[in-house]
Amino acid sequence: MTNQIGPTSSALIVLAAGFGRRMREQKLLLVDGQGVPVIRRTVTAACQAADALERSQVVLICNPEFPDVATVCNDLPVGVQWNPRAGEGMSTSLSAGIRWADERQFDCAVVILGDQPELRSDMPVELVRTHLNGPDAPIVQARYQGVPGHPILFSRSLYVELCAVSGDEGGRSVLHAHRDQCKYVDFSTEPFPDLDTPEDYSAFLRRNS
């Protein structure tokens, strides 16, 4: 590997345990114009980011009801963590990923949404670079033309708080509690949406035809 950034160690957590109810099918297995599944695009970008970072690893948080989400990525250098509690909300997937990072003593965790296949590999890298270069902040968040979004980096000091979150909010309450300590990394691109509905997917295909 070349051009690595370090020495901060980072876990890149891809949340991919949702049910896709608004899409009315498993959205992560939908394909782009080249036939690449949505989740594979996202995970590939995360792996490319990990390759540019020293002491970094990708973990994919999956729902055991949809094993094919992991299968379509099984040739990529990722760990897989199954979340049998996925039906209780996104917080269970987040805590599963954070516990995985904590057990391996990663200094920070970058949370990536699996249904954002337009993620670029430089985005997680820039968050870690900003965290590394200080001044220290417990949260570093991507921002697109002034709009905060994902990915979001959380330092290890927040792992306990993140694991205590419940319901379907993900890490929103922790983010809000520490908003005044958050740093932003600005990207010139427009915010890219989650793929939640058939309309979102159609728009994604038009952008990536």
Protein backbone atom coordinates (compact mmCIF):
# COMPACT_ATOMS: atom_id res chain seq x y z
CA MET A 1 0.00 0.00 0.00
CA THR A 2 1.20 3.52 -0.78
CA ASN A 3 0.50 7.07 0.33
CA GLN A 4 -0.83 5.91 3.67
CA ILE A 5 -2.04 8.33 6.30
CA GLY A 6 -1.31 7.52 9.94
CA PRO A 7 -0.75 6.77 12.74
CA THR A 8 -4.40 7.05 13.87
CA SER A 9 -6.13 3.69 13.51
CA SER A 10 -9.63 3.77 12.08
CA ALA A 11 -12.54 1.39 11.68
CA LEU A 12 -14.71 2.05 8.63
CA ILE A 13 -18.16 0.80 9.61
CA VAL A 14 -20.62 0.22 6.76
CA LEU A 15 -24.18 -0.04 8.07
CA ALA A 16 -26.03 -2.52 5.85
CA ALA A 17 -28.57 -4.29 8.06
CA GLY A 18 -31.74 -2.47 7.02
CA PHE A 19 -34.86 -4.09 5.61
CA GLY A 20 -35.50 -1.71 2.71
CA ARG A 21 -39.21 -1.49 3.53
CA ARG A 22 -39.76 1.83 1.72
CA MET A 23 -38.11 0.38 -1.39
CA ARG A 24 -40.31 -2.73 -1.02
CA GLU A 25 -37.28 -4.94 -1.71
CA GLN A 26 -33.72 -5.27 -0.46
CA LYS A 27 -32.34 -2.04 -1.86
CA LEU A 28 -28.71 -2.90 -1.16
CA LEU A 29 -28.87 -5.64 -3.79
CA LEU A 30 -30.23 -3.36 -6.50
CA VAL A 31 -27.66 -2.70 -9.22
CA ASP A 32 -26.28 0.38 -10.94
CA GLY A 33 -26.10 0.87 -14.68
CA GLN A 34 -23.11 -1.48 -14.90
CA GLY A 35 -24.78 -4.25 -12.91
CA VAL A 36 -22.85 -3.58 -9.68
CA PRO A 37 -24.93 -4.00 -6.51
CA VAL A 38 -25.45 -0.85 -4.45
CA ILE A 39 -23.76 -2.30 -1.37
CA ARG A 40 -20.74 -3.46 -3.35
CA ARG A 41 -20.21 0.07 -4.70
CA THR A 42 -20.29 1.50 -1.18
CA VAL A 43 -18.03 -1.17 0.28
CA THR A 44 -15.55 -0.85 -2.60
CA ALA A 45 -15.19 2.88 -1.89
CA ALA A 46 -14.70 2.11 1.82
CA CYS A 47 -12.02 -0.47 1.00
CA GLN A 48 -10.21 2.01 -1.23
CA ALA A 49 -10.27 4.49 1.65
CA ALA A 50 -8.92 1.87 4.05
CA ASP A 51 -6.11 1.14 1.61
CA ALA A 52 -5.03 4.79 1.85
CA LEU A 53 -5.09 4.79 5.64
CA GLU A 54 -2.60 3.22 7.99
CA ARG A 55 -4.07 0.65 10.39
CA SER A 56 -7.57 0.77 8.96
CA GLN A 57 -10.17 -1.94 8.39
CA VAL A 58 -13.67 -2.11 6.95
CA VAL A 59 -16.48 -3.95 8.70
CA LEU A 60 -19.87 -4.60 7.12
CA ILE A 61 -22.81 -4.78 9.53
CA CYS A 62 -25.37 -7.17 8.03
CA ASN A 63 -28.84 -8.49 8.72
CA PRO A 64 -28.91 -12.31 8.90
CA GLU A 65 -32.24 -12.24 7.06
CA PHE A 66 -30.38 -10.96 3.97
CA PRO A 67 -27.15 -12.97 3.71
CA ASP A 68 -26.69 -12.02 0.04
CA VAL A 69 -25.72 -8.50 1.14
CA ALA A 70 -22.54 -10.02 2.58
CA THR A 71 -22.17 -12.56 -0.22
CA VAL A 72 -21.88 -9.94 -2.98
CA CYS A 73 -18.92 -8.47 -1.09
CA ASN A 74 -17.23 -11.70 -0.03
CA ASP A 75 -14.19 -11.19 -2.26
CA LEU A 76 -13.48 -7.75 -0.79
CA PRO A 77 -11.18 -7.24 2.23
CA VAL A 78 -13.92 -6.64 4.79
CA GLY A 79 -15.00 -8.11 8.08
CA VAL A 80 -18.66 -9.06 8.48
CA GLN A 81 -20.61 -8.55 11.69
CA TRP A 82 -24.13 -9.98 11.82
CA ASN A 83 -26.83 -8.04 13.64
CA PRO A 84 -29.76 -10.27 14.63
CA ARG A 85 -31.38 -7.28 16.36
CA ALA A 86 -31.65 -5.23 13.17
CA GLY A 87 -35.42 -5.03 13.52
CA GLU A 88 -34.98 -2.90 16.66
CA GLY A 89 -33.55 -0.01 14.68
CA MET A 90 -30.37 1.44 13.22
CA SER A 91 -28.88 1.98 16.68
CA THR A 92 -28.36 -1.77 17.06
CA SER A 93 -26.24 -1.86 13.89
CA LEU A 94 -24.30 1.20 14.97
CA SER A 95 -23.57 -0.30 18.39
CA ALA A 96 -22.54 -3.61 16.78
CA GLY A 97 -20.02 -1.75 14.64
CA ILE A 98 -18.76 0.39 17.50
CA ARG A 99 -18.30 -2.65 19.75
CA TRP A 100 -16.36 -4.32 16.94
CA ALA A 101 -14.12 -1.23 16.68
CA ASP A 102 -13.69 -0.99 20.46
CA GLU A 103 -12.73 -4.65 20.83
CA ARG A 104 -9.98 -4.09 18.25
CA GLN A 105 -8.91 -0.83 19.91
CA PHE A 106 -9.40 1.41 16.90
CA ASP A 107 -8.84 5.07 17.76
CA CYS A 108 -11.83 6.24 15.76
CA ALA A 109 -14.76 4.90 13.78
CA VAL A 110 -16.05 6.28 10.50
CA VAL A 111 -19.74 5.48 10.05
CA ILE A 112 -20.80 4.94 6.43
CA LEU A 113 -24.33 4.24 5.21
CA GLY A 114 -24.55 1.22 2.94
CA ASP A 115 -27.29 2.79 0.83
CA GLN A 116 -25.11 5.68 -0.30
CA PRO A 117 -23.33 4.15 -3.32
CA GLU A 118 -22.13 7.54 -4.52
CA LEU A 119 -19.65 7.72 -1.64
CA ARG A 120 -16.15 8.58 -2.88
CA SER A 121 -13.15 6.92 -1.34
CA ASP A 122 -11.50 10.26 -0.55
CA MET A 123 -14.33 11.25 1.79
CA PRO A 124 -13.53 8.89 4.71
CA VAL A 125 -9.84 9.58 4.13
CA GLU A 126 -10.34 13.34 4.54
CA LEU A 127 -12.30 12.82 7.77
CA VAL A 128 -9.48 10.75 9.26
CA ARG A 129 -6.89 13.24 8.00
CA THR A 130 -8.77 16.09 9.69
CA HIS A 131 -9.09 14.10 12.92
CA LEU A 132 -5.38 13.29 12.84
CA ASN A 133 -4.22 16.82 12.16
CA GLY A 134 -6.15 18.33 15.08
CA PRO A 135 -6.97 20.23 17.10
CA ASP A 136 -8.68 17.25 18.64
CA ALA A 137 -12.44 16.95 18.14
CA PRO A 138 -14.57 13.93 19.05
CA ILE A 139 -16.63 14.18 15.86
CA VAL A 140 -15.67 15.00 12.27
CA GLN A 141 -18.55 15.17 9.81
CA ALA A 142 -18.73 15.49 6.04
CA ARG A 143 -20.57 18.56 4.75
CA TYR A 144 -21.84 19.09 1.21
CA GLN A 145 -22.41 22.68 0.07
CA GLY A 146 -23.16 23.59 3.67
CA VAL A 147 -25.36 20.54 4.40
CA PRO A 148 -23.98 18.08 7.01
CA GLY A 149 -24.21 14.42 6.03
CA HIS A 150 -22.38 11.10 6.04
CA PRO A 151 -19.81 9.76 6.56
CA ILE A 152 -19.24 10.78 10.18
CA LEU A 153 -16.15 10.06 12.28
CA PHE A 154 -16.48 9.44 16.01
CA SER A 155 -13.46 9.26 18.28
CA ARG A 156 -13.05 6.44 20.75
CA SER A 157 -14.04 8.78 23.59
CA LEU A 158 -17.64 8.52 22.35
CA TYR A 159 -17.88 4.75 21.94
CA VAL A 160 -19.70 4.24 25.25
CA GLU A 161 -22.27 6.91 24.40
CA LEU A 162 -22.83 5.49 20.94
CA CYS A 163 -23.43 1.99 22.29
CA ALA A 164 -26.04 3.36 24.73
CA VAL A 165 -28.24 4.78 21.96
CA SER A 166 -31.49 2.95 21.26
CA GLY A 167 -34.17 2.93 18.58
CA ASP A 168 -33.86 3.95 14.95
CA GLU A 169 -31.98 7.22 15.35
CA GLY A 170 -28.46 5.93 14.80
CA GLY A 171 -25.99 8.30 16.42
CA ARG A 172 -28.10 11.44 16.04
CA SER A 173 -28.45 12.17 19.76
CA VAL A 174 -24.70 11.81 20.32
CA LEU A 175 -24.02 14.06 17.36
CA HIS A 176 -26.39 16.70 18.73
CA ALA A 177 -24.97 16.46 22.26
CA HIS A 178 -21.47 17.23 20.94
CA ARG A 179 -22.41 19.58 18.09
CA ASP A 180 -20.23 22.37 19.48
CA GLN A 181 -17.22 20.03 19.40
CA CYS A 182 -17.79 18.86 15.83
CA LYS A 183 -15.43 19.69 12.98
CA TYR A 184 -16.57 19.63 9.36
CA VAL A 185 -14.91 18.60 6.15
CA ASP A 186 -16.45 20.48 3.22
CA PHE A 187 -16.92 18.83 -0.15
CA SER A 188 -17.97 20.75 -3.24
CA THR A 189 -20.38 18.08 -4.47
CA GLU A 190 -24.11 18.24 -3.86
CA PRO A 191 -25.41 16.10 -0.98
CA PHE A 192 -26.01 12.57 -2.21
CA PRO A 193 -29.21 11.00 -0.91
CA ASP A 194 -29.85 7.65 0.69
CA LEU A 195 -31.60 5.22 -1.64
CA ASP A 196 -34.83 4.78 0.32
CA THR A 197 -37.57 4.76 -2.33
CA PRO A 198 -38.06 3.62 -5.93
CA GLU A 199 -37.88 7.30 -6.91
CA ASP A 200 -34.48 7.62 -5.21
CA TYR A 201 -33.25 4.56 -7.11
CA SER A 202 -34.51 5.88 -10.46
CA ALA A 203 -32.72 9.17 -9.85
CA PHE A 204 -29.53 7.31 -8.91
CA LEU A 205 -29.66 5.35 -12.17
CA ARG A 206 -30.08 8.55 -14.15
CA ARG A 207 -27.03 10.06 -12.46
CA ASN A 208 -24.97 6.91 -12.98
CA SER A 209 -26.07 5.71 -16.41
